[in-house]
Amino acid sequence: MSITQQYLLDTYRARQHGDPTPPAPGAHDWQVMRELRDHRRFRAALTRRAARGRLRTALTRLLG
């Protein structure tokens, strides 16, 4: 069963029981990715590791 078919089945069942419909597949993907990035940055700050990503690359380029 595909994700779309499962979503349609869940929507049908929710309507039959009078429950609110579930969110569409992929509706919160970007929010989850942002939260994961923020969590990784937070964990890096707690362990006092060096910065990674665009900022570090830009600083290396400017200073080096």
Foldseek 3Di string as FASTA:
>chain_A
DDLVVVLVVQQVVCVVVVHDRDDRPPPCVVVVVVVVVVVVVVVCVVVVHDDDDDVVVVVVVVPD
